[in-house]
Amino acid sequence: MKNITMPHKQIHEGRNVKRFREMLGLKQDALAFELGEDWHQKRISLLETKETIELPLLQRIAEIMHLPVEAFQNFDEEQAINLISNTISDNAVGVIVHNYNPIEKIFELHEEKIALYERMLKEKDDMMQQLKQLINK
């Protein structure tokens, strides 16, 4: 049996920085600001075109984005797509994505809390009424 070796595909670290930055909703200007005064939007744009990024800089970017540095060093979009497509079975109808607005969720939870509190007060009032009736008998 022959051992087939696939050519090693180089991970594009700059493109990965861009992907993760966009997923996090972080603008180039904001990343530049976090990196320091000698950074600006244009320099971030140029950085995102580099195939490899110096490790100390990559570590600083990972720290800013709260991600492990390996995310930038190892993420391969093609492999991720293959993994996802191979994981989803052929008879899968679709994927359900829930996008919650956290503010709306907080209001919803607050409303539920108020409704629960009102029910508890009503139950307390009902119990007090029943106790008064028992005492008066």
C-alpha atoms as a PDB file:
ATOM      1  CA  MET A   1       0.000   0.000   0.000  1.00  0.00           C
ATOM      2  CA  LYS A   2       1.372   3.409  -0.961  1.00  0.00           C
ATOM      3  CA  ASN A   3       1.626   6.171   1.548  1.00  0.00           C
ATOM      4  CA  ILE A   4       0.285   9.287  -0.141  1.00  0.00           C
ATOM      5  CA  THR A   5       1.498  12.528   1.328  1.00  0.00           C
ATOM      6  CA  MET A   6      -0.469  15.674   0.778  1.00  0.00           C
ATOM      7  CA  PRO A   7       1.474  18.860   0.227  1.00  0.00           C
ATOM      8  CA  HIS A   8       1.555  20.925   3.404  1.00  0.00           C
ATOM      9  CA  LYS A   9      -0.775  23.851   2.967  1.00  0.00           C
ATOM     10  CA  GLN A  10       0.534  27.026   4.596  1.00  0.00           C
ATOM     11  CA  ILE A  11      -1.926  28.653   6.970  1.00  0.00           C
ATOM     12  CA  HIS A  12      -2.451  32.337   6.133  1.00  0.00           C
ATOM     13  CA  GLU A  13      -2.176  33.983   9.539  1.00  0.00           C
ATOM     14  CA  GLY A  14      -3.033  37.476   8.305  1.00  0.00           C
ATOM     15  CA  ARG A  15      -6.245  36.246   6.703  1.00  0.00           C
ATOM     16  CA  ASN A  16      -7.077  34.428   9.940  1.00  0.00           C
ATOM     17  CA  VAL A  17      -6.546  37.629  11.924  1.00  0.00           C
ATOM     18  CA  LYS A  18      -8.991  39.350   9.567  1.00  0.00           C
ATOM     19  CA  ARG A  19     -11.556  36.523   9.821  1.00  0.00           C
ATOM     20  CA  PHE A  20     -11.521  36.437  13.614  1.00  0.00           C
ATOM     21  CA  ARG A  21     -11.462  40.239  13.856  1.00  0.00           C
ATOM     22  CA  GLU A  22     -14.556  40.443  11.658  1.00  0.00           C
ATOM     23  CA  MET A  23     -16.307  37.624  13.555  1.00  0.00           C
ATOM     24  CA  LEU A  24     -15.739  39.565  16.767  1.00  0.00           C
ATOM     25  CA  GLY A  25     -17.028  42.780  15.187  1.00  0.00           C
ATOM     26  CA  LEU A  26     -13.695  44.507  15.802  1.00  0.00           C
ATOM     27  CA  LYS A  27     -12.795  47.269  13.344  1.00  0.00           C
ATOM     28  CA  GLN A  28      -9.252  47.706  12.033  1.00  0.00           C
ATOM     29  CA  ASP A  29      -9.062  51.098  13.752  1.00  0.00           C
ATOM     30  CA  ALA A  30     -10.005  49.552  17.100  1.00  0.00           C
ATOM     31  CA  LEU A  31      -7.388  46.816  16.756  1.00  0.00           C
ATOM     32  CA  ALA A  32      -4.788  49.424  15.805  1.00  0.00           C
ATOM     33  CA  PHE A  33      -5.714  51.493  18.870  1.00  0.00           C
ATOM     34  CA  GLU A  34      -5.310  48.442  21.129  1.00  0.00           C
ATOM     35  CA  LEU A  35      -1.910  47.626  19.601  1.00  0.00           C
ATOM     36  CA  GLY A  36      -0.504  51.064  20.389  1.00  0.00           C
ATOM     37  CA  GLU A  37       0.241  54.493  19.051  1.00  0.00           C
ATOM     38  CA  ASP A  38       2.467  53.400  16.144  1.00  0.00           C
ATOM     39  CA  TRP A  39      -0.425  51.350  14.696  1.00  0.00           C
ATOM     40  CA  HIS A  40      -3.166  52.632  12.374  1.00  0.00           C
ATOM     41  CA  GLN A  41      -5.883  51.210  10.141  1.00  0.00           C
ATOM     42  CA  LYS A  42      -3.678  51.030   7.038  1.00  0.00           C
ATOM     43  CA  ARG A  43      -0.994  49.078   8.920  1.00  0.00           C
ATOM     44  CA  ILE A  44      -3.625  46.579  10.144  1.00  0.00           C
ATOM     45  CA  SER A  45      -4.842  46.219   6.571  1.00  0.00           C
ATOM     46  CA  LEU A  46      -1.295  45.435   5.417  1.00  0.00           C
ATOM     47  CA  LEU A  47      -0.793  43.036   8.338  1.00  0.00           C
ATOM     48  CA  GLU A  48      -3.883  41.071   7.293  1.00  0.00           C
ATOM     49  CA  THR A  49      -2.301  40.396   3.896  1.00  0.00           C
ATOM     50  CA  LYS A  50       0.797  38.762   5.410  1.00  0.00           C
ATOM     51  CA  GLU A  51       0.981  34.982   5.262  1.00  0.00           C
ATOM     52  CA  THR A  52       2.989  34.792   8.475  1.00  0.00           C
ATOM     53  CA  ILE A  53       3.071  37.208  11.392  1.00  0.00           C
ATOM     54  CA  GLU A  54       5.848  37.497  13.955  1.00  0.00           C
ATOM     55  CA  LEU A  55       4.975  35.437  17.032  1.00  0.00           C
ATOM     56  CA  PRO A  56       5.163  38.268  19.619  1.00  0.00           C
ATOM     57  CA  LEU A  57       2.788  40.394  17.529  1.00  0.00           C
ATOM     58  CA  LEU A  58       0.472  37.436  16.924  1.00  0.00           C
ATOM     59  CA  GLN A  59       0.437  36.755  20.669  1.00  0.00           C
ATOM     60  CA  ARG A  60      -0.479  40.396  21.368  1.00  0.00           C
ATOM     61  CA  ILE A  61      -3.325  40.258  18.823  1.00  0.00           C
ATOM     62  CA  ALA A  62      -4.554  36.985  20.356  1.00  0.00           C
ATOM     63  CA  GLU A  63      -4.500  38.620  23.786  1.00  0.00           C
ATOM     64  CA  ILE A  64      -6.517  41.609  22.522  1.00  0.00           C
ATOM     65  CA  MET A  65      -9.096  39.345  20.882  1.00  0.00           C
ATOM     66  CA  HIS A  66      -9.178  36.953  23.867  1.00  0.00           C
ATOM     67  CA  LEU A  67      -8.318  34.009  21.612  1.00  0.00           C
ATOM     68  CA  PRO A  68      -5.546  31.435  21.773  1.00  0.00           C
ATOM     69  CA  VAL A  69      -2.659  32.218  19.435  1.00  0.00           C
ATOM     70  CA  GLU A  70      -3.160  28.744  17.917  1.00  0.00           C
ATOM     71  CA  ALA A  71      -6.456  29.973  16.449  1.00  0.00           C
ATOM     72  CA  PHE A  72      -4.486  32.167  14.044  1.00  0.00           C
ATOM     73  CA  GLN A  73      -1.727  29.621  13.472  1.00  0.00           C
ATOM     74  CA  ASN A  74      -3.886  26.554  12.824  1.00  0.00           C
ATOM     75  CA  PHE A  75      -7.240  27.673  11.408  1.00  0.00           C
ATOM     76  CA  ASP A  76      -7.707  26.474   7.837  1.00  0.00           C
ATOM     77  CA  GLU A  77     -11.053  27.492   6.342  1.00  0.00           C
ATOM     78  CA  GLU A  78     -10.972  24.700   3.754  1.00  0.00           C
ATOM     79  CA  GLN A  79     -10.447  22.047   6.438  1.00  0.00           C
ATOM     80  CA  ALA A  80     -13.179  23.596   8.590  1.00  0.00           C
ATOM     81  CA  ILE A  81     -15.642  23.530   5.681  1.00  0.00           C
ATOM     82  CA  ASN A  82     -14.731  19.911   4.911  1.00  0.00           C
ATOM     83  CA  LEU A  83     -15.155  18.948   8.554  1.00  0.00           C
ATOM     84  CA  ILE A  84     -18.544  20.648   8.774  1.00  0.00           C
ATOM     85  CA  SER A  85     -19.783  19.176   5.486  1.00  0.00           C
ATOM     86  CA  ASN A  86     -18.616  15.702   6.508  1.00  0.00           C
ATOM     87  CA  THR A  87     -20.182  16.031   9.945  1.00  0.00           C
ATOM     88  CA  ILE A  88     -23.623  17.041   8.742  1.00  0.00           C
ATOM     89  CA  SER A  89     -25.476  13.986   7.498  1.00  0.00           C
ATOM     90  CA  ASP A  90     -26.993  13.837   4.029  1.00  0.00           C
ATOM     91  CA  ASN A  91     -30.541  13.738   5.409  1.00  0.00           C
ATOM     92  CA  ALA A  92     -30.089  16.887   7.493  1.00  0.00           C
ATOM     93  CA  VAL A  93     -32.738  19.402   6.592  1.00  0.00           C
ATOM     94  CA  GLY A  94     -30.852  22.452   7.771  1.00  0.00           C
ATOM     95  CA  VAL A  95     -29.187  24.204  10.595  1.00  0.00           C
ATOM     96  CA  ILE A  96     -31.094  26.368  13.030  1.00  0.00           C
ATOM     97  CA  VAL A  97     -29.236  29.437  14.139  1.00  0.00           C
ATOM     98  CA  HIS A  98     -30.506  31.436  17.103  1.00  0.00           C
ATOM     99  CA  ASN A  99     -29.373  35.013  17.111  1.00  0.00           C
ATOM    100  CA  TYR A 100     -30.362  36.575  20.402  1.00  0.00           C
ATOM    101  CA  ASN A 101     -30.102  40.252  21.069  1.00  0.00           C
ATOM    102  CA  PRO A 102     -28.744  40.291  24.628  1.00  0.00           C
ATOM    103  CA  ILE A 103     -30.635  43.483  25.539  1.00  0.00           C
ATOM    104  CA  GLU A 104     -33.931  41.989  24.382  1.00  0.00           C
ATOM    105  CA  LYS A 105     -33.141  38.821  26.340  1.00  0.00           C
ATOM    106  CA  ILE A 106     -32.486  40.878  29.495  1.00  0.00           C
ATOM    107  CA  PHE A 107     -35.827  42.678  29.089  1.00  0.00           C
ATOM    108  CA  GLU A 108     -37.579  39.366  28.493  1.00  0.00           C
ATOM    109  CA  LEU A 109     -36.062  37.877  31.649  1.00  0.00           C
ATOM    110  CA  HIS A 110     -36.976  41.020  33.589  1.00  0.00           C
ATOM    111  CA  GLU A 111     -40.590  40.778  32.421  1.00  0.00           C
ATOM    112  CA  GLU A 112     -40.696  37.090  33.416  1.00  0.00           C
ATOM    113  CA  LYS A 113     -39.318  37.997  36.839  1.00  0.00           C
ATOM    114  CA  ILE A 114     -41.980  40.679  37.331  1.00  0.00           C
ATOM    115  CA  ALA A 115     -44.734  38.271  36.236  1.00  0.00           C
ATOM    116  CA  LEU A 116     -43.472  35.626  38.664  1.00  0.00           C
ATOM    117  CA  TYR A 117     -43.315  38.157  41.492  1.00  0.00           C
ATOM    118  CA  GLU A 118     -46.897  39.286  40.760  1.00  0.00           C
ATOM    119  CA  ARG A 119     -48.115  35.673  40.773  1.00  0.00           C
ATOM    120  CA  MET A 120     -46.366  35.076  44.084  1.00  0.00           C
ATOM    121  CA  LEU A 121     -48.000  38.209  45.577  1.00  0.00           C
ATOM    122  CA  LYS A 122     -51.410  37.077  44.342  1.00  0.00           C
ATOM    123  CA  GLU A 123     -50.896  33.629  45.876  1.00  0.00           C
ATOM    124  CA  LYS A 124     -49.839  35.271  49.150  1.00  0.00           C
ATOM    125  CA  ASP A 125     -52.964  37.466  49.119  1.00  0.00           C
ATOM    126  CA  ASP A 126     -55.137  34.406  48.395  1.00  0.00           C
ATOM    127  CA  MET A 127     -53.547  32.498  51.275  1.00  0.00           C
ATOM    128  CA  MET A 128     -54.017  35.470  53.613  1.00  0.00           C
ATOM    129  CA  GLN A 129     -57.683  35.658  52.600  1.00  0.00           C
ATOM    130  CA  GLN A 130     -58.121  31.927  53.280  1.00  0.00           C
ATOM    131  CA  LEU A 131     -56.438  32.275  56.696  1.00  0.00           C
ATOM    132  CA  LYS A 132     -58.715  35.194  57.612  1.00  0.00           C
ATOM    133  CA  GLN A 133     -61.741  33.102  56.641  1.00  0.00           C
ATOM    134  CA  LEU A 134     -60.514  30.195  58.775  1.00  0.00           C
ATOM    135  CA  ILE A 135     -59.887  32.472  61.773  1.00  0.00           C
ATOM    136  CA  ASN A 136     -63.322  34.090  61.472  1.00  0.00           C
ATOM    137  CA  LYS A 137     -65.128  30.725  61.476  1.00  0.00           C
END
